[in-house]
């Protein structure tokens, strides 16, 4: 994200892929570039780490249903709201 000009707010923030890296191959298959900076945000590090397991578990339950970027963005939006209390 920093390469695209979206600089880290401070050392207490982590880069967060809204499409989890653990499912990279499945997103690639759907032609979704999870490393595109527009699909990343900075999260407070402690909040990011506390929610990471639940976030990945939520994706595990739906990844096979993803048909394309629109589906993926809908799920990402819902999971970010439910787990991190952030609207994207």
PDB file of N, CA and C in Angstrom:
ATOM      1  N   UNK A   1       0.822  -1.182   0.000  1.00  0.00           N
ATOM      2  CA  UNK A   1       0.000   0.000   0.000  1.00  0.00           C
ATOM      3  C   UNK A   1       0.869   1.249   0.000  1.00  0.00           C
ATOM      4  N   UNK A   2       1.979   1.198   0.723  1.00  0.00           N
ATOM      5  CA  UNK A   2       2.829   2.380   0.781  1.00  0.00           C
ATOM      6  C   UNK A   2       3.400   2.732  -0.591  1.00  0.00           C
ATOM      7  N   UNK A   3       3.675   1.720  -1.405  1.00  0.00           N
ATOM      8  CA  UNK A   3       4.194   1.975  -2.753  1.00  0.00           C
ATOM      9  C   UNK A   3       3.190   2.765  -3.589  1.00  0.00           C
ATOM     10  N   UNK A   4       1.910   2.624  -3.275  1.00  0.00           N
ATOM     11  CA  UNK A   4       0.872   3.342  -4.023  1.00  0.00           C
ATOM     12  C   UNK A   4       0.601   4.730  -3.444  1.00  0.00           C
ATOM     13  N   UNK A   5       1.317   5.081  -2.376  1.00  0.00           N
ATOM     14  CA  UNK A   5       1.130   6.394  -1.765  1.00  0.00           C
ATOM     15  C   UNK A   5       0.253   6.391  -0.533  1.00  0.00           C
ATOM     16  N   UNK A   6      -0.316   5.245  -0.198  1.00  0.00           N
ATOM     17  CA  UNK A   6      -1.152   5.123   0.998  1.00  0.00           C
ATOM     18  C   UNK A   6      -0.232   4.768   2.168  1.00  0.00           C
ATOM     19  N   UNK A   7       0.286   5.789   2.826  1.00  0.00           N
ATOM     20  CA  UNK A   7       1.299   5.594   3.855  1.00  0.00           C
ATOM     21  C   UNK A   7       0.725   5.107   5.174  1.00  0.00           C
ATOM     22  N   UNK A   8       1.520   4.307   5.848  1.00  0.00           N
ATOM     23  CA  UNK A   8       1.152   3.787   7.162  1.00  0.00           C
ATOM     24  C   UNK A   8       0.969   4.959   8.126  1.00  0.00           C
ATOM     25  N   UNK A   9      -0.164   4.985   8.825  1.00  0.00           N
ATOM     26  CA  UNK A   9      -0.415   6.109   9.743  1.00  0.00           C
ATOM     27  C   UNK A   9       0.638   6.234  10.839  1.00  0.00           C
ATOM     28  N   UNK A  10       1.028   5.108  11.418  1.00  0.00           N
ATOM     29  CA  UNK A  10       2.068   5.077  12.448  1.00  0.00           C
ATOM     30  C   UNK A  10       2.458   3.621  12.685  1.00  0.00           C
ATOM     31  N   UNK A  11       3.394   3.402  13.574  1.00  0.00           N
ATOM     32  CA  UNK A  11       3.909   2.039  13.785  1.00  0.00           C
ATOM     33  C   UNK A  11       2.891   1.126  14.480  1.00  0.00           C
ATOM     34  N   UNK A  12       1.775   1.679  14.902  1.00  0.00           N
ATOM     35  CA  UNK A  12       0.743   0.896  15.580  1.00  0.00           C
ATOM     36  C   UNK A  12      -0.332   0.393  14.621  1.00  0.00           C
ATOM     37  N   UNK A  13      -0.071   0.476  13.334  1.00  0.00           N
ATOM     38  CA  UNK A  13      -1.021   0.027  12.318  1.00  0.00           C
ATOM     39  C   UNK A  13      -0.403  -1.066  11.450  1.00  0.00           C
ATOM     40  N   UNK A  14      -1.240  -2.043  11.093  1.00  0.00           N
ATOM     41  CA  UNK A  14      -0.853  -3.122  10.184  1.00  0.00           C
ATOM     42  C   UNK A  14      -1.587  -2.945   8.865  1.00  0.00           C
ATOM     43  N   UNK A  15      -0.938  -3.391   7.803  1.00  0.00           N
ATOM     44  CA  UNK A  15      -1.621  -3.463   6.517  1.00  0.00           C
ATOM     45  C   UNK A  15      -2.564  -4.665   6.569  1.00  0.00           C
ATOM     46  N   UNK A  16      -3.771  -4.479   6.104  1.00  0.00           N
ATOM     47  CA  UNK A  16      -4.777  -5.551   6.117  1.00  0.00           C
ATOM     48  C   UNK A  16      -5.289  -5.770   4.701  1.00  0.00           C
ATOM     49  N   UNK A  17      -5.145  -7.004   4.220  1.00  0.00           N
ATOM     50  CA  UNK A  17      -5.742  -7.401   2.940  1.00  0.00           C
ATOM     51  C   UNK A  17      -7.222  -7.671   3.199  1.00  0.00           C
ATOM     52  N   UNK A  18      -8.109  -7.002   2.491  1.00  0.00           N
ATOM     53  CA  UNK A  18      -9.523  -7.304   2.727  1.00  0.00           C
ATOM     54  C   UNK A  18      -9.881  -8.670   2.150  1.00  0.00           C
ATOM     55  N   UNK A  19      -9.066  -9.163   1.221  1.00  0.00           N
ATOM     56  CA  UNK A  19      -9.209 -10.532   0.724  1.00  0.00           C
ATOM     57  C   UNK A  19      -8.016 -11.312   1.283  1.00  0.00           C
ATOM     58  N   UNK A  20      -8.242 -12.221   2.229  1.00  0.00           N
ATOM     59  CA  UNK A  20      -7.154 -12.862   2.955  1.00  0.00           C
ATOM     60  C   UNK A  20      -6.136 -13.589   2.060  1.00  0.00           C
ATOM     61  N   UNK A  21      -4.881 -13.410   2.432  1.00  0.00           N
ATOM     62  CA  UNK A  21      -3.784 -14.020   1.692  1.00  0.00           C
ATOM     63  C   UNK A  21      -3.838 -15.540   1.715  1.00  0.00           C
ATOM     64  N   UNK A  22      -4.413 -16.110   2.730  1.00  0.00           N
ATOM     65  CA  UNK A  22      -4.516 -17.566   2.827  1.00  0.00           C
ATOM     66  C   UNK A  22      -5.379 -18.186   1.736  1.00  0.00           C
ATOM     67  N   UNK A  23      -6.175 -17.365   1.080  1.00  0.00           N
ATOM     68  CA  UNK A  23      -7.043 -17.833  -0.001  1.00  0.00           C
ATOM     69  C   UNK A  23      -6.601 -17.274  -1.356  1.00  0.00           C
ATOM     70  N   UNK A  24      -5.338 -16.896  -1.443  1.00  0.00           N
ATOM     71  CA  UNK A  24      -4.794 -16.268  -2.651  1.00  0.00           C
ATOM     72  C   UNK A  24      -5.139 -17.059  -3.912  1.00  0.00           C
ATOM     73  N   UNK A  25      -4.903 -18.356  -3.908  1.00  0.00           N
ATOM     74  CA  UNK A  25      -5.150 -19.162  -5.108  1.00  0.00           C
ATOM     75  C   UNK A  25      -6.614 -19.136  -5.513  1.00  0.00           C
ATOM     76  N   UNK A  26      -7.495 -19.160  -4.549  1.00  0.00           N
ATOM     77  CA  UNK A  26      -8.927 -19.143  -4.867  1.00  0.00           C
ATOM     78  C   UNK A  26      -9.349 -17.784  -5.428  1.00  0.00           C
ATOM     79  N   UNK A  27      -8.780 -16.707  -4.895  1.00  0.00           N
ATOM     80  CA  UNK A  27      -9.069 -15.387  -5.441  1.00  0.00           C
ATOM     81  C   UNK A  27      -8.434 -15.235  -6.829  1.00  0.00           C
ATOM     82  N   UNK A  28      -7.213 -15.738  -6.991  1.00  0.00           N
ATOM     83  CA  UNK A  28      -6.567 -15.690  -8.308  1.00  0.00           C
ATOM     84  C   UNK A  28      -7.429 -16.385  -9.351  1.00  0.00           C
ATOM     85  N   UNK A  29      -7.993 -17.516  -8.986  1.00  0.00           N
ATOM     86  CA  UNK A  29      -8.844 -18.280  -9.897  1.00  0.00           C
ATOM     87  C   UNK A  29     -10.046 -17.455 -10.351  1.00  0.00           C
ATOM     88  N   UNK A  30     -10.494 -16.570  -9.489  1.00  0.00           N
ATOM     89  CA  UNK A  30     -11.633 -15.691  -9.805  1.00  0.00           C
ATOM     90  C   UNK A  30     -11.171 -14.358 -10.401  1.00  0.00           C
ATOM     91  N   UNK A  31      -9.883 -14.249 -10.710  1.00  0.00           N
ATOM     92  CA  UNK A  31      -9.288 -13.046 -11.305  1.00  0.00           C
ATOM     93  C   UNK A  31      -9.381 -11.829 -10.389  1.00  0.00           C
ATOM     94  N   UNK A  32      -9.175 -12.083  -9.096  1.00  0.00           N
ATOM     95  CA  UNK A  32      -9.179 -11.012  -8.100  1.00  0.00           C
ATOM     96  C   UNK A  32      -7.751 -10.862  -7.577  1.00  0.00           C
ATOM     97  N   UNK A  33      -7.169  -9.681  -7.794  1.00  0.00           N
ATOM     98  CA  UNK A  33      -5.807  -9.393  -7.353  1.00  0.00           C
ATOM     99  C   UNK A  33      -5.851  -8.888  -5.918  1.00  0.00           C
ATOM    100  N   UNK A  34      -5.599  -9.785  -4.979  1.00  0.00           N
ATOM    101  CA  UNK A  34      -5.706  -9.416  -3.567  1.00  0.00           C
ATOM    102  C   UNK A  34      -4.644  -8.418  -3.139  1.00  0.00           C
ATOM    103  N   UNK A  35      -3.577  -8.256  -3.946  1.00  0.00           N
ATOM    104  CA  UNK A  35      -2.512  -7.323  -3.597  1.00  0.00           C
ATOM    105  C   UNK A  35      -2.734  -5.922  -4.167  1.00  0.00           C
ATOM    106  N   UNK A  36      -3.832  -5.732  -4.882  1.00  0.00           N
ATOM    107  CA  UNK A  36      -4.139  -4.404  -5.400  1.00  0.00           C
ATOM    108  C   UNK A  36      -4.347  -3.482  -4.194  1.00  0.00           C
ATOM    109  N   UNK A  37      -3.624  -2.365  -4.139  1.00  0.00           N
ATOM    110  CA  UNK A  37      -3.738  -1.477  -2.969  1.00  0.00           C
ATOM    111  C   UNK A  37      -5.159  -1.014  -2.662  1.00  0.00           C
ATOM    112  N   UNK A  38      -6.034  -0.992  -3.663  1.00  0.00           N
ATOM    113  CA  UNK A  38      -7.403  -0.562  -3.364  1.00  0.00           C
ATOM    114  C   UNK A  38      -8.150  -1.588  -2.521  1.00  0.00           C
ATOM    115  N   UNK A  39      -7.585  -2.794  -2.390  1.00  0.00           N
ATOM    116  CA  UNK A  39      -8.189  -3.831  -1.549  1.00  0.00           C
ATOM    117  C   UNK A  39      -7.416  -4.016  -0.246  1.00  0.00           C
ATOM    118  N   UNK A  40      -6.777  -2.950   0.197  1.00  0.00           N
ATOM    119  CA  UNK A  40      -6.051  -2.983   1.459  1.00  0.00           C
ATOM    120  C   UNK A  40      -6.366  -1.761   2.282  1.00  0.00           C
ATOM    121  N   UNK A  41      -6.290  -1.905   3.586  1.00  0.00           N
ATOM    122  CA  UNK A  41      -6.492  -0.771   4.494  1.00  0.00           C
ATOM    123  C   UNK A  41      -5.508  -0.909   5.653  1.00  0.00           C
ATOM    124  N   UNK A  42      -5.304   0.178   6.341  1.00  0.00           N
ATOM    125  CA  UNK A  42      -4.505   0.160   7.565  1.00  0.00           C
ATOM    126  C   UNK A  42      -5.439  -0.047   8.748  1.00  0.00           C
ATOM    127  N   UNK A  43      -5.096  -1.002   9.590  1.00  0.00           N
ATOM    128  CA  UNK A  43      -5.873  -1.256  10.805  1.00  0.00           C
ATOM    129  C   UNK A  43      -4.970  -1.111  12.017  1.00  0.00           C
ATOM    130  N   UNK A  44      -5.544  -0.630  13.099  1.00  0.00           N
ATOM    131  CA  UNK A  44      -4.829  -0.641  14.368  1.00  0.00           C
ATOM    132  C   UNK A  44      -4.319  -2.065  14.586  1.00  0.00           C
ATOM    133  N   UNK A  45      -3.043  -2.202  14.891  1.00  0.00           N
ATOM    134  CA  UNK A  45      -2.408  -3.523  14.971  1.00  0.00           C
ATOM    135  C   UNK A  45      -3.090  -4.454  15.968  1.00  0.00           C
ATOM    136  N   UNK A  46      -3.440  -3.961  17.139  1.00  0.00           N
ATOM    137  CA  UNK A  46      -4.047  -4.848  18.137  1.00  0.00           C
ATOM    138  C   UNK A  46      -5.428  -5.322  17.693  1.00  0.00           C
ATOM    139  N   UNK A  47      -6.201  -4.434  17.080  1.00  0.00           N
ATOM    140  CA  UNK A  47      -7.527  -4.818  16.572  1.00  0.00           C
ATOM    141  C   UNK A  47      -7.377  -5.807  15.430  1.00  0.00           C
ATOM    142  N   UNK A  48      -6.423  -5.539  14.546  1.00  0.00           N
ATOM    143  CA  UNK A  48      -6.172  -6.430  13.403  1.00  0.00           C
ATOM    144  C   UNK A  48      -5.843  -7.841  13.879  1.00  0.00           C
ATOM    145  N   UNK A  49      -4.935  -7.936  14.813  1.00  0.00           N
ATOM    146  CA  UNK A  49      -4.480  -9.259  15.279  1.00  0.00           C
ATOM    147  C   UNK A  49      -5.545  -9.991  16.078  1.00  0.00           C
ATOM    148  N   UNK A  50      -6.343  -9.261  16.831  1.00  0.00           N
ATOM    149  CA  UNK A  50      -7.420  -9.899  17.593  1.00  0.00           C
ATOM    150  C   UNK A  50      -8.501 -10.473  16.679  1.00  0.00           C
ATOM    151  N   UNK A  51      -8.764  -9.807  15.561  1.00  0.00           N
ATOM    152  CA  UNK A  51      -9.833 -10.245  14.680  1.00  0.00           C
ATOM    153  C   UNK A  51      -9.414 -11.147  13.540  1.00  0.00           C
ATOM    154  N   UNK A  52      -8.117 -11.330  13.340  1.00  0.00           N
ATOM    155  CA  UNK A  52      -7.620 -12.055  12.157  1.00  0.00           C
ATOM    156  C   UNK A  52      -8.168 -13.479  12.058  1.00  0.00           C
ATOM    157  N   UNK A  53      -8.187 -14.208  13.160  1.00  0.00           N
ATOM    158  CA  UNK A  53      -8.665 -15.592  13.107  1.00  0.00           C
ATOM    159  C   UNK A  53     -10.138 -15.631  12.700  1.00  0.00           C
ATOM    160  N   UNK A  54     -10.960 -14.824  13.329  1.00  0.00           N
ATOM    161  CA  UNK A  54     -12.394 -14.798  13.009  1.00  0.00           C
ATOM    162  C   UNK A  54     -12.623 -14.352  11.563  1.00  0.00           C
ATOM    163  N   UNK A  55     -11.824 -13.401  11.103  1.00  0.00           N
ATOM    164  CA  UNK A  55     -11.956 -12.904   9.727  1.00  0.00           C
ATOM    165  C   UNK A  55     -11.661 -14.031   8.729  1.00  0.00           C
ATOM    166  N   UNK A  56     -10.575 -14.742   8.958  1.00  0.00           N
ATOM    167  CA  UNK A  56     -10.230 -15.858   8.066  1.00  0.00           C
ATOM    168  C   UNK A  56     -11.259 -16.984   8.150  1.00  0.00           C
ATOM    169  N   UNK A  57     -11.772 -17.234   9.316  1.00  0.00           N
ATOM    170  CA  UNK A  57     -12.809 -18.266   9.473  1.00  0.00           C
ATOM    171  C   UNK A  57     -14.075 -17.878   8.706  1.00  0.00           C
ATOM    172  N   UNK A  58     -14.433 -16.627   8.756  1.00  0.00           N
ATOM    173  CA  UNK A  58     -15.614 -16.165   8.019  1.00  0.00           C
ATOM    174  C   UNK A  58     -15.422 -16.407   6.524  1.00  0.00           C
ATOM    175  N   UNK A  59     -14.239 -16.098   6.004  1.00  0.00           N
ATOM    176  CA  UNK A  59     -13.961 -16.325   4.582  1.00  0.00           C
ATOM    177  C   UNK A  59     -13.964 -17.814   4.254  1.00  0.00           C
ATOM    178  N   UNK A  60     -13.467 -18.626   5.154  1.00  0.00           N
ATOM    179  CA  UNK A  60     -13.444 -20.075   4.925  1.00  0.00           C
ATOM    180  C   UNK A  60     -14.851 -20.594   4.621  1.00  0.00           C
ATOM    181  N   UNK A  61     -15.829 -20.023   5.288  1.00  0.00           N
ATOM    182  CA  UNK A  61     -17.203 -20.472   5.107  1.00  0.00           C
ATOM    183  C   UNK A  61     -17.857 -20.060   3.801  1.00  0.00           C
ATOM    184  N   UNK A  62     -17.276 -19.084   3.103  1.00  0.00           N
ATOM    185  CA  UNK A  62     -17.926 -18.578   1.884  1.00  0.00           C
ATOM    186  C   UNK A  62     -17.050 -18.609   0.638  1.00  0.00           C
ATOM    187  N   UNK A  63     -15.774 -18.870   0.786  1.00  0.00           N
ATOM    188  CA  UNK A  63     -14.852 -18.723  -0.340  1.00  0.00           C
ATOM    189  C   UNK A  63     -15.278 -19.531  -1.561  1.00  0.00           C
ATOM    190  N   UNK A  64     -15.867 -20.679  -1.354  1.00  0.00           N
ATOM    191  CA  UNK A  64     -16.277 -21.510  -2.497  1.00  0.00           C
ATOM    192  C   UNK A  64     -17.470 -20.904  -3.250  1.00  0.00           C
ATOM    193  N   UNK A  65     -18.181 -19.979  -2.616  1.00  0.00           N
ATOM    194  CA  UNK A  65     -19.352 -19.358  -3.238  1.00  0.00           C
ATOM    195  C   UNK A  65     -19.039 -18.090  -4.029  1.00  0.00           C
ATOM    196  N   UNK A  66     -17.803 -17.606  -3.927  1.00  0.00           N
ATOM    197  CA  UNK A  66     -17.434 -16.357  -4.597  1.00  0.00           C
ATOM    198  C   UNK A  66     -17.490 -16.555  -6.114  1.00  0.00           C
ATOM    199  N   UNK A  67     -18.263 -15.703  -6.764  1.00  0.00           N
ATOM    200  CA  UNK A  67     -18.374 -15.784  -8.226  1.00  0.00           C
ATOM    201  C   UNK A  67     -17.503 -14.748  -8.924  1.00  0.00           C
ATOM    202  N   UNK A  68     -17.177 -13.674  -8.249  1.00  0.00           N
ATOM    203  CA  UNK A  68     -16.371 -12.611  -8.839  1.00  0.00           C
ATOM    204  C   UNK A  68     -16.155 -11.491  -7.846  1.00  0.00           C
ATOM    205  N   UNK A  69     -15.631 -10.400  -8.334  1.00  0.00           N
ATOM    206  CA  UNK A  69     -15.261  -9.289  -7.472  1.00  0.00           C
ATOM    207  C   UNK A  69     -16.456  -8.694  -6.729  1.00  0.00           C
ATOM    208  N   UNK A  70     -17.611  -8.625  -7.358  1.00  0.00           N
ATOM    209  CA  UNK A  70     -18.779  -8.048  -6.670  1.00  0.00           C
ATOM    210  C   UNK A  70     -19.168  -8.868  -5.449  1.00  0.00           C
ATOM    211  N   UNK A  71     -19.212 -10.192  -5.603  1.00  0.00           N
ATOM    212  CA  UNK A  71     -19.500 -11.071  -4.457  1.00  0.00           C
ATOM    213  C   UNK A  71     -18.447 -10.889  -3.369  1.00  0.00           C
ATOM    214  N   UNK A  72     -17.193 -10.900  -3.784  1.00  0.00           N
ATOM    215  CA  UNK A  72     -16.100 -10.797  -2.827  1.00  0.00           C
ATOM    216  C   UNK A  72     -16.174  -9.487  -2.045  1.00  0.00           C
ATOM    217  N   UNK A  73     -16.458  -8.402  -2.718  1.00  0.00           N
ATOM    218  CA  UNK A  73     -16.560  -7.112  -2.035  1.00  0.00           C
ATOM    219  C   UNK A  73     -17.741  -7.068  -1.063  1.00  0.00           C
ATOM    220  N   UNK A  74     -18.834  -7.711  -1.417  1.00  0.00           N
ATOM    221  CA  UNK A  74     -19.979  -7.759  -0.491  1.00  0.00           C
ATOM    222  C   UNK A  74     -19.614  -8.510   0.785  1.00  0.00           C
ATOM    223  N   UNK A  75     -18.967  -9.666   0.614  1.00  0.00           N
ATOM    224  CA  UNK A  75     -18.542 -10.423   1.797  1.00  0.00           C
ATOM    225  C   UNK A  75     -17.526  -9.625   2.614  1.00  0.00           C
ATOM    226  N   UNK A  76     -16.548  -9.025   1.943  1.00  0.00           N
ATOM    227  CA  UNK A  76     -15.522  -8.253   2.646  1.00  0.00           C
ATOM    228  C   UNK A  76     -16.162  -7.137   3.458  1.00  0.00           C
ATOM    229  N   UNK A  77     -17.104  -6.447   2.858  1.00  0.00           N
ATOM    230  CA  UNK A  77     -17.790  -5.360   3.545  1.00  0.00           C
ATOM    231  C   UNK A  77     -18.502  -5.861   4.794  1.00  0.00           C
ATOM    232  N   UNK A  78     -19.210  -6.963   4.662  1.00  0.00           N
ATOM    233  CA  UNK A  78     -19.943  -7.519   5.800  1.00  0.00           C
ATOM    234  C   UNK A  78     -19.001  -8.008   6.905  1.00  0.00           C
ATOM    235  N   UNK A  79     -17.941  -8.711   6.512  1.00  0.00           N
ATOM    236  CA  UNK A  79     -16.995  -9.235   7.505  1.00  0.00           C
ATOM    237  C   UNK A  79     -16.235  -8.120   8.215  1.00  0.00           C
ATOM    238  N   UNK A  80     -15.862  -7.078   7.475  1.00  0.00           N
ATOM    239  CA  UNK A  80     -15.166  -5.954   8.108  1.00  0.00           C
ATOM    240  C   UNK A  80     -16.080  -5.274   9.123  1.00  0.00           C
ATOM    241  N   UNK A  81     -17.342  -5.139   8.775  1.00  0.00           N
ATOM    242  CA  UNK A  81     -18.317  -4.525   9.683  1.00  0.00           C
ATOM    243  C   UNK A  81     -18.546  -5.404  10.911  1.00  0.00           C
ATOM    244  N   UNK A  82     -18.755  -6.711  10.690  1.00  0.00           N
ATOM    245  CA  UNK A  82     -19.047  -7.629  11.791  1.00  0.00           C
ATOM    246  C   UNK A  82     -17.860  -7.847  12.728  1.00  0.00           C
ATOM    247  N   UNK A  83     -16.676  -8.006  12.161  1.00  0.00           N
ATOM    248  CA  UNK A  83     -15.509  -8.409  12.963  1.00  0.00           C
ATOM    249  C   UNK A  83     -14.708  -7.214  13.445  1.00  0.00           C
ATOM    250  N   UNK A  84     -14.461  -6.261  12.555  1.00  0.00           N
ATOM    251  CA  UNK A  84     -13.609  -5.122  12.919  1.00  0.00           C
ATOM    252  C   UNK A  84     -14.383  -3.847  13.224  1.00  0.00           C
ATOM    253  N   UNK A  85     -15.717  -3.887  13.016  1.00  0.00           N
ATOM    254  CA  UNK A  85     -16.570  -2.716  13.257  1.00  0.00           C
ATOM    255  C   UNK A  85     -16.156  -1.525  12.385  1.00  0.00           C
ATOM    256  N   UNK A  86     -15.769  -1.853  11.136  1.00  0.00           N
ATOM    257  CA  UNK A  86     -15.315  -0.841  10.182  1.00  0.00           C
ATOM    258  C   UNK A  86     -16.157  -0.980   8.919  1.00  0.00           C
ATOM    259  N   UNK A  87     -16.597   0.149   8.408  1.00  0.00           N
ATOM    260  CA  UNK A  87     -17.336   0.151   7.147  1.00  0.00           C
ATOM    261  C   UNK A  87     -16.374   0.498   6.034  1.00  0.00           C
ATOM    262  N   UNK A  88     -16.340  -0.383   5.040  1.00  0.00           N
ATOM    263  CA  UNK A  88     -15.464  -0.119   3.878  1.00  0.00           C
ATOM    264  C   UNK A  88     -16.304   0.110   2.643  1.00  0.00           C
TER     265      UNK A  88
END
